[in-house]
Amino acid sequence: MKKNIGTIDKILRVVIAIVIAVLYYMDLIVSDTLSAIVLFLAAVLLITSLLNFCPIYFILRINSCRRDREINDD
């Protein structure tokens, strides 16, 4: 897997996952179904940020990793 998530993208994903976890912990996400969906989304964001790879970015050919873009442009 080639990296396709840059530093800013990675930080945003982790921050959003933490915010979702805090909202869940404080019982601010009301519905059980909604909370399960949102927790799944938070897990996906956290996992993709740790792996530096997003399958959706791969399919759409998006690369927010600055270093890889500079290398590929040469």
PDB file of N, CA and C in Angstrom:
ATOM      1  N   MET A   1       0.844  -1.181   0.000  1.00  0.00           N
ATOM      2  CA  MET A   1       0.000   0.000   0.000  1.00  0.00           C
ATOM      3  C   MET A   1       0.887   1.241   0.000  1.00  0.00           C
ATOM      4  N   LYS A   2       0.651   2.079  -0.946  1.00  0.00           N
ATOM      5  CA  LYS A   2       1.389   3.321  -1.054  1.00  0.00           C
ATOM      6  C   LYS A   2       0.671   4.399  -0.252  1.00  0.00           C
ATOM      7  N   LYS A   3       1.404   5.221   0.464  1.00  0.00           N
ATOM      8  CA  LYS A   3       0.809   6.281   1.270  1.00  0.00           C
ATOM      9  C   LYS A   3       0.047   7.252   0.381  1.00  0.00           C
ATOM     10  N   ASN A   4      -1.171   7.607   0.802  1.00  0.00           N
ATOM     11  CA  ASN A   4      -1.923   8.619   0.065  1.00  0.00           C
ATOM     12  C   ASN A   4      -2.621   9.602   1.004  1.00  0.00           C
ATOM     13  N   ILE A   5      -2.200   9.624   2.265  1.00  0.00           N
ATOM     14  CA  ILE A   5      -2.755  10.560   3.239  1.00  0.00           C
ATOM     15  C   ILE A   5      -1.614  11.417   3.772  1.00  0.00           C
ATOM     16  N   GLY A   6      -1.766  12.726   3.634  1.00  0.00           N
ATOM     17  CA  GLY A   6      -0.759  13.661   4.103  1.00  0.00           C
ATOM     18  C   GLY A   6      -0.899  13.968   5.578  1.00  0.00           C
ATOM     19  N   THR A   7       0.004  14.791   6.089  1.00  0.00           N
ATOM     20  CA  THR A   7       0.055  15.111   7.511  1.00  0.00           C
ATOM     21  C   THR A   7      -1.201  15.836   7.984  1.00  0.00           C
ATOM     22  N   ILE A   8      -1.621  16.850   7.261  1.00  0.00           N
ATOM     23  CA  ILE A   8      -2.805  17.616   7.666  1.00  0.00           C
ATOM     24  C   ILE A   8      -4.043  16.737   7.626  1.00  0.00           C
ATOM     25  N   ASP A   9      -4.168  15.943   6.592  1.00  0.00           N
ATOM     26  CA  ASP A   9      -5.289  15.017   6.462  1.00  0.00           C
ATOM     27  C   ASP A   9      -5.295  14.026   7.623  1.00  0.00           C
ATOM     28  N   LYS A  10      -4.137  13.528   7.977  1.00  0.00           N
ATOM     29  CA  LYS A  10      -4.006  12.570   9.071  1.00  0.00           C
ATOM     30  C   LYS A  10      -4.425  13.198  10.402  1.00  0.00           C
ATOM     31  N   ILE A  11      -3.965  14.406  10.658  1.00  0.00           N
ATOM     32  CA  ILE A  11      -4.313  15.104  11.900  1.00  0.00           C
ATOM     33  C   ILE A  11      -5.812  15.350  11.972  1.00  0.00           C
ATOM     34  N   LEU A  12      -6.410  15.780  10.872  1.00  0.00           N
ATOM     35  CA  LEU A  12      -7.861  16.018  10.855  1.00  0.00           C
ATOM     36  C   LEU A  12      -8.643  14.739  11.131  1.00  0.00           C
ATOM     37  N   ARG A  13      -8.219  13.638  10.571  1.00  0.00           N
ATOM     38  CA  ARG A  13      -8.895  12.359  10.794  1.00  0.00           C
ATOM     39  C   ARG A  13      -8.831  11.949  12.259  1.00  0.00           C
ATOM     40  N   VAL A  14      -7.665  12.112  12.880  1.00  0.00           N
ATOM     41  CA  VAL A  14      -7.511  11.746  14.287  1.00  0.00           C
ATOM     42  C   VAL A  14      -8.353  12.665  15.169  1.00  0.00           C
ATOM     43  N   VAL A  15      -8.349  13.952  14.893  1.00  0.00           N
ATOM     44  CA  VAL A  15      -9.132  14.906  15.690  1.00  0.00           C
ATOM     45  C   VAL A  15     -10.624  14.604  15.568  1.00  0.00           C
ATOM     46  N   ILE A  16     -11.099  14.336  14.372  1.00  0.00           N
ATOM     47  CA  ILE A  16     -12.520  14.015  14.178  1.00  0.00           C
ATOM     48  C   ILE A  16     -12.875  12.726  14.914  1.00  0.00           C
ATOM     49  N   ALA A  17     -12.011  11.732  14.861  1.00  0.00           N
ATOM     50  CA  ALA A  17     -12.266  10.471  15.570  1.00  0.00           C
ATOM     51  C   ALA A  17     -12.322  10.693  17.078  1.00  0.00           C
ATOM     52  N   ILE A  18     -11.440  11.533  17.601  1.00  0.00           N
ATOM     53  CA  ILE A  18     -11.449  11.831  19.040  1.00  0.00           C
ATOM     54  C   ILE A  18     -12.712  12.575  19.430  1.00  0.00           C
ATOM     55  N   VAL A  19     -13.121  13.549  18.626  1.00  0.00           N
ATOM     56  CA  VAL A  19     -14.352  14.299  18.915  1.00  0.00           C
ATOM     57  C   VAL A  19     -15.554  13.358  18.933  1.00  0.00           C
ATOM     58  N   ILE A  20     -15.623  12.458  17.979  1.00  0.00           N
ATOM     59  CA  ILE A  20     -16.728  11.491  17.937  1.00  0.00           C
ATOM     60  C   ILE A  20     -16.705  10.609  19.184  1.00  0.00           C
ATOM     61  N   ALA A  21     -15.521  10.149  19.583  1.00  0.00           N
ATOM     62  CA  ALA A  21     -15.409   9.306  20.773  1.00  0.00           C
ATOM     63  C   ALA A  21     -15.851  10.048  22.027  1.00  0.00           C
ATOM     64  N   VAL A  22     -15.480  11.319  22.140  1.00  0.00           N
ATOM     65  CA  VAL A  22     -15.886  12.125  23.300  1.00  0.00           C
ATOM     66  C   VAL A  22     -17.396  12.330  23.301  1.00  0.00           C
ATOM     67  N   LEU A  23     -17.976  12.618  22.141  1.00  0.00           N
ATOM     68  CA  LEU A  23     -19.429  12.778  22.055  1.00  0.00           C
ATOM     69  C   LEU A  23     -20.147  11.493  22.458  1.00  0.00           C
ATOM     70  N   TYR A  24     -19.608  10.368  22.044  1.00  0.00           N
ATOM     71  CA  TYR A  24     -20.205   9.082  22.418  1.00  0.00           C
ATOM     72  C   TYR A  24     -20.073   8.847  23.918  1.00  0.00           C
ATOM     73  N   TYR A  25     -18.898   9.115  24.454  1.00  0.00           N
ATOM     74  CA  TYR A  25     -18.642   8.901  25.883  1.00  0.00           C
ATOM     75  C   TYR A  25     -19.547   9.776  26.744  1.00  0.00           C
ATOM     76  N   MET A  26     -19.823  10.994  26.302  1.00  0.00           N
ATOM     77  CA  MET A  26     -20.664  11.923  27.068  1.00  0.00           C
ATOM     78  C   MET A  26     -22.159  11.721  26.782  1.00  0.00           C
ATOM     79  N   ASP A  27     -22.497  10.666  26.034  1.00  0.00           N
ATOM     80  CA  ASP A  27     -23.892  10.344  25.682  1.00  0.00           C
ATOM     81  C   ASP A  27     -24.597  11.471  24.928  1.00  0.00           C
ATOM     82  N   LEU A  28     -23.874  12.153  24.070  1.00  0.00           N
ATOM     83  CA  LEU A  28     -24.474  13.215  23.269  1.00  0.00           C
ATOM     84  C   LEU A  28     -24.971  12.702  21.920  1.00  0.00           C
ATOM     85  N   ILE A  29     -24.620  11.466  21.594  1.00  0.00           N
ATOM     86  CA  ILE A  29     -25.165  10.825  20.400  1.00  0.00           C
ATOM     87  C   ILE A  29     -26.327   9.965  20.888  1.00  0.00           C
ATOM     88  N   VAL A  30     -27.543  10.341  20.561  1.00  0.00           N
ATOM     89  CA  VAL A  30     -28.731   9.819  21.206  1.00  0.00           C
ATOM     90  C   VAL A  30     -29.102   8.409  20.741  1.00  0.00           C
ATOM     91  N   SER A  31     -29.303   8.219  19.475  1.00  0.00           N
ATOM     92  CA  SER A  31     -29.820   6.961  18.950  1.00  0.00           C
ATOM     93  C   SER A  31     -28.761   5.858  18.990  1.00  0.00           C
ATOM     94  N   ASP A  32     -29.184   4.634  19.316  1.00  0.00           N
ATOM     95  CA  ASP A  32     -28.258   3.506  19.336  1.00  0.00           C
ATOM     96  C   ASP A  32     -27.712   3.201  17.948  1.00  0.00           C
ATOM     97  N   THR A  33     -28.589   3.248  16.956  1.00  0.00           N
ATOM     98  CA  THR A  33     -28.160   2.979  15.584  1.00  0.00           C
ATOM     99  C   THR A  33     -27.194   4.057  15.106  1.00  0.00           C
ATOM    100  N   LEU A  34     -27.530   5.302  15.371  1.00  0.00           N
ATOM    101  CA  LEU A  34     -26.663   6.411  14.970  1.00  0.00           C
ATOM    102  C   LEU A  34     -25.313   6.319  15.670  1.00  0.00           C
ATOM    103  N   SER A  35     -25.320   5.977  16.939  1.00  0.00           N
ATOM    104  CA  SER A  35     -24.051   5.883  17.667  1.00  0.00           C
ATOM    105  C   SER A  35     -23.172   4.768  17.109  1.00  0.00           C
ATOM    106  N   ALA A  36     -23.760   3.665  16.709  1.00  0.00           N
ATOM    107  CA  ALA A  36     -22.990   2.569  16.124  1.00  0.00           C
ATOM    108  C   ALA A  36     -22.372   2.994  14.792  1.00  0.00           C
ATOM    109  N   ILE A  37     -23.144   3.686  13.976  1.00  0.00           N
ATOM    110  CA  ILE A  37     -22.649   4.153  12.673  1.00  0.00           C
ATOM    111  C   ILE A  37     -21.528   5.163  12.855  1.00  0.00           C
ATOM    112  N   VAL A  38     -21.717   6.090  13.780  1.00  0.00           N
ATOM    113  CA  VAL A  38     -20.724   7.138  14.009  1.00  0.00           C
ATOM    114  C   VAL A  38     -19.445   6.545  14.610  1.00  0.00           C
ATOM    115  N   LEU A  39     -19.580   5.572  15.524  1.00  0.00           N
ATOM    116  CA  LEU A  39     -18.391   4.925  16.074  1.00  0.00           C
ATOM    117  C   LEU A  39     -17.641   4.142  15.004  1.00  0.00           C
ATOM    118  N   PHE A  40     -18.353   3.507  14.091  1.00  0.00           N
ATOM    119  CA  PHE A  40     -17.714   2.806  12.978  1.00  0.00           C
ATOM    120  C   PHE A  40     -16.945   3.797  12.113  1.00  0.00           C
ATOM    121  N   LEU A  41     -17.550   4.951  11.830  1.00  0.00           N
ATOM    122  CA  LEU A  41     -16.882   5.989  11.052  1.00  0.00           C
ATOM    123  C   LEU A  41     -15.621   6.474  11.760  1.00  0.00           C
ATOM    124  N   ALA A  42     -15.702   6.671  13.075  1.00  0.00           N
ATOM    125  CA  ALA A  42     -14.532   7.108  13.842  1.00  0.00           C
ATOM    126  C   ALA A  42     -13.424   6.060  13.774  1.00  0.00           C
ATOM    127  N   ALA A  43     -13.798   4.786  13.863  1.00  0.00           N
ATOM    128  CA  ALA A  43     -12.798   3.714  13.778  1.00  0.00           C
ATOM    129  C   ALA A  43     -12.136   3.692  12.411  1.00  0.00           C
ATOM    130  N   VAL A  44     -12.915   3.861  11.360  1.00  0.00           N
ATOM    131  CA  VAL A  44     -12.355   3.883  10.007  1.00  0.00           C
ATOM    132  C   VAL A  44     -11.403   5.062   9.841  1.00  0.00           C
ATOM    133  N   LEU A  45     -11.793   6.224  10.332  1.00  0.00           N
ATOM    134  CA  LEU A  45     -10.917   7.400  10.241  1.00  0.00           C
ATOM    135  C   LEU A  45      -9.611   7.173  10.993  1.00  0.00           C
ATOM    136  N   LEU A  46      -9.709   6.585  12.168  1.00  0.00           N
ATOM    137  CA  LEU A  46      -8.508   6.339  12.964  1.00  0.00           C
ATOM    138  C   LEU A  46      -7.600   5.297  12.306  1.00  0.00           C
ATOM    139  N   ILE A  47      -8.178   4.228  11.811  1.00  0.00           N
ATOM    140  CA  ILE A  47      -7.382   3.179  11.171  1.00  0.00           C
ATOM    141  C   ILE A  47      -6.701   3.692   9.902  1.00  0.00           C
ATOM    142  N   THR A  48      -7.447   4.432   9.080  1.00  0.00           N
ATOM    143  CA  THR A  48      -6.839   4.944   7.850  1.00  0.00           C
ATOM    144  C   THR A  48      -5.737   5.954   8.153  1.00  0.00           C
ATOM    145  N   SER A  49      -5.894   6.733   9.227  1.00  0.00           N
ATOM    146  CA  SER A  49      -4.835   7.686   9.567  1.00  0.00           C
ATOM    147  C   SER A  49      -3.597   6.966  10.088  1.00  0.00           C
ATOM    148  N   LEU A  50      -3.777   5.867  10.804  1.00  0.00           N
ATOM    149  CA  LEU A  50      -2.623   5.110  11.301  1.00  0.00           C
ATOM    150  C   LEU A  50      -1.903   4.374  10.173  1.00  0.00           C
ATOM    151  N   LEU A  51      -2.647   3.924   9.170  1.00  0.00           N
ATOM    152  CA  LEU A  51      -2.051   3.216   8.041  1.00  0.00           C
ATOM    153  C   LEU A  51      -1.517   4.154   6.955  1.00  0.00           C
ATOM    154  N   ASN A  52      -1.897   5.425   7.014  1.00  0.00           N
ATOM    155  CA  ASN A  52      -1.545   6.415   5.985  1.00  0.00           C
ATOM    156  C   ASN A  52      -2.079   6.011   4.617  1.00  0.00           C
ATOM    157  N   PHE A  53      -3.166   5.286   4.602  1.00  0.00           N
ATOM    158  CA  PHE A  53      -3.742   4.818   3.344  1.00  0.00           C
ATOM    159  C   PHE A  53      -5.258   4.851   3.439  1.00  0.00           C
ATOM    160  N   CYS A  54      -5.891   5.445   2.433  1.00  0.00           N
ATOM    161  CA  CYS A  54      -7.348   5.502   2.368  1.00  0.00           C
ATOM    162  C   CYS A  54      -7.804   4.824   1.076  1.00  0.00           C
ATOM    163  N   PRO A  55      -8.591   3.745   1.194  1.00  0.00           N
ATOM    164  CA  PRO A  55      -9.050   3.047  -0.009  1.00  0.00           C
ATOM    165  C   PRO A  55      -9.890   3.933  -0.935  1.00  0.00           C
ATOM    166  N   ILE A  56     -10.673   4.827  -0.365  1.00  0.00           N
ATOM    167  CA  ILE A  56     -11.497   5.720  -1.191  1.00  0.00           C
ATOM    168  C   ILE A  56     -10.600   6.674  -1.981  1.00  0.00           C
ATOM    169  N   TYR A  57      -9.545   7.189  -1.346  1.00  0.00           N
ATOM    170  CA  TYR A  57      -8.591   8.029  -2.058  1.00  0.00           C
ATOM    171  C   TYR A  57      -7.940   7.239  -3.196  1.00  0.00           C
ATOM    172  N   PHE A  58      -7.625   5.971  -2.935  1.00  0.00           N
ATOM    173  CA  PHE A  58      -7.006   5.131  -3.961  1.00  0.00           C
ATOM    174  C   PHE A  58      -7.923   4.975  -5.167  1.00  0.00           C
ATOM    175  N   ILE A  59      -9.207   4.708  -4.916  1.00  0.00           N
ATOM    176  CA  ILE A  59     -10.176   4.539  -6.002  1.00  0.00           C
ATOM    177  C   ILE A  59     -10.332   5.829  -6.797  1.00  0.00           C
ATOM    178  N   LEU A  60     -10.383   6.964  -6.085  1.00  0.00           N
ATOM    179  CA  LEU A  60     -10.578   8.261  -6.741  1.00  0.00           C
ATOM    180  C   LEU A  60      -9.260   8.887  -7.215  1.00  0.00           C
ATOM    181  N   ARG A  61      -8.150   8.183  -6.997  1.00  0.00           N
ATOM    182  CA  ARG A  61      -6.815   8.656  -7.371  1.00  0.00           C
ATOM    183  C   ARG A  61      -6.470  10.009  -6.747  1.00  0.00           C
ATOM    184  N   ILE A  62      -6.797  10.145  -5.463  1.00  0.00           N
ATOM    185  CA  ILE A  62      -6.476  11.342  -4.690  1.00  0.00           C
ATOM    186  C   ILE A  62      -5.253  11.026  -3.844  1.00  0.00           C
ATOM    187  N   ASN A  63      -4.348  11.994  -3.749  1.00  0.00           N
ATOM    188  CA  ASN A  63      -3.157  11.822  -2.929  1.00  0.00           C
ATOM    189  C   ASN A  63      -2.891  13.133  -2.207  1.00  0.00           C
ATOM    190  N   SER A  64      -3.081  13.139  -0.888  1.00  0.00           N
ATOM    191  CA  SER A  64      -2.812  14.349  -0.117  1.00  0.00           C
ATOM    192  C   SER A  64      -1.443  14.299   0.542  1.00  0.00           C
ATOM    193  N   CYS A  65      -0.673  13.269   0.228  1.00  0.00           N
ATOM    194  CA  CYS A  65       0.683  13.132   0.762  1.00  0.00           C
ATOM    195  C   CYS A  65       1.621  13.961  -0.117  1.00  0.00           C
ATOM    196  N   ARG A  66       2.112  15.038   0.413  1.00  0.00           N
ATOM    197  CA  ARG A  66       2.887  16.001  -0.364  1.00  0.00           C
ATOM    198  C   ARG A  66       4.167  15.412  -0.948  1.00  0.00           C
ATOM    199  N   ARG A  67       4.895  14.653  -0.151  1.00  0.00           N
ATOM    200  CA  ARG A  67       6.181  14.102  -0.605  1.00  0.00           C
ATOM    201  C   ARG A  67       5.988  13.177  -1.801  1.00  0.00           C
ATOM    202  N   ASP A  68       4.990  12.309  -1.747  1.00  0.00           N
ATOM    203  CA  ASP A  68       4.746  11.386  -2.863  1.00  0.00           C
ATOM    204  C   ASP A  68       4.347  12.124  -4.116  1.00  0.00           C
ATOM    205  N   ARG A  69       3.576  13.191  -3.988  1.00  0.00           N
ATOM    206  CA  ARG A  69       3.172  13.960  -5.161  1.00  0.00           C
ATOM    207  C   ARG A  69       4.373  14.600  -5.828  1.00  0.00           C
ATOM    208  N   GLU A  70       5.308  15.117  -5.012  1.00  0.00           N
ATOM    209  CA  GLU A  70       6.501  15.762  -5.575  1.00  0.00           C
ATOM    210  C   GLU A  70       7.370  14.733  -6.291  1.00  0.00           C
ATOM    211  N   ILE A  71       7.495  13.540  -5.738  1.00  0.00           N
ATOM    212  CA  ILE A  71       8.299  12.488  -6.355  1.00  0.00           C
ATOM    213  C   ILE A  71       7.653  12.031  -7.662  1.00  0.00           C
ATOM    214  N   ASN A  72       6.332  11.887  -7.680  1.00  0.00           N
ATOM    215  CA  ASN A  72       5.639  11.427  -8.878  1.00  0.00           C
ATOM    216  C   ASN A  72       5.611  12.457  -9.987  1.00  0.00           C
ATOM    217  N   ASP A  73       5.746  13.752  -9.650  1.00  0.00           N
ATOM    218  CA  ASP A  73       5.714  14.801 -10.660  1.00  0.00           C
ATOM    219  C   ASP A  73       7.009  14.853 -11.465  1.00  0.00           C
ATOM    220  N   ASP A  74       8.097  14.296 -10.929  1.00  0.00           N
ATOM    221  CA  ASP A  74       9.379  14.357 -11.631  1.00  0.00           C
ATOM    222  C   ASP A  74       9.456  13.450 -12.806  1.00  0.00           C
TER     223      ASP A  74
END
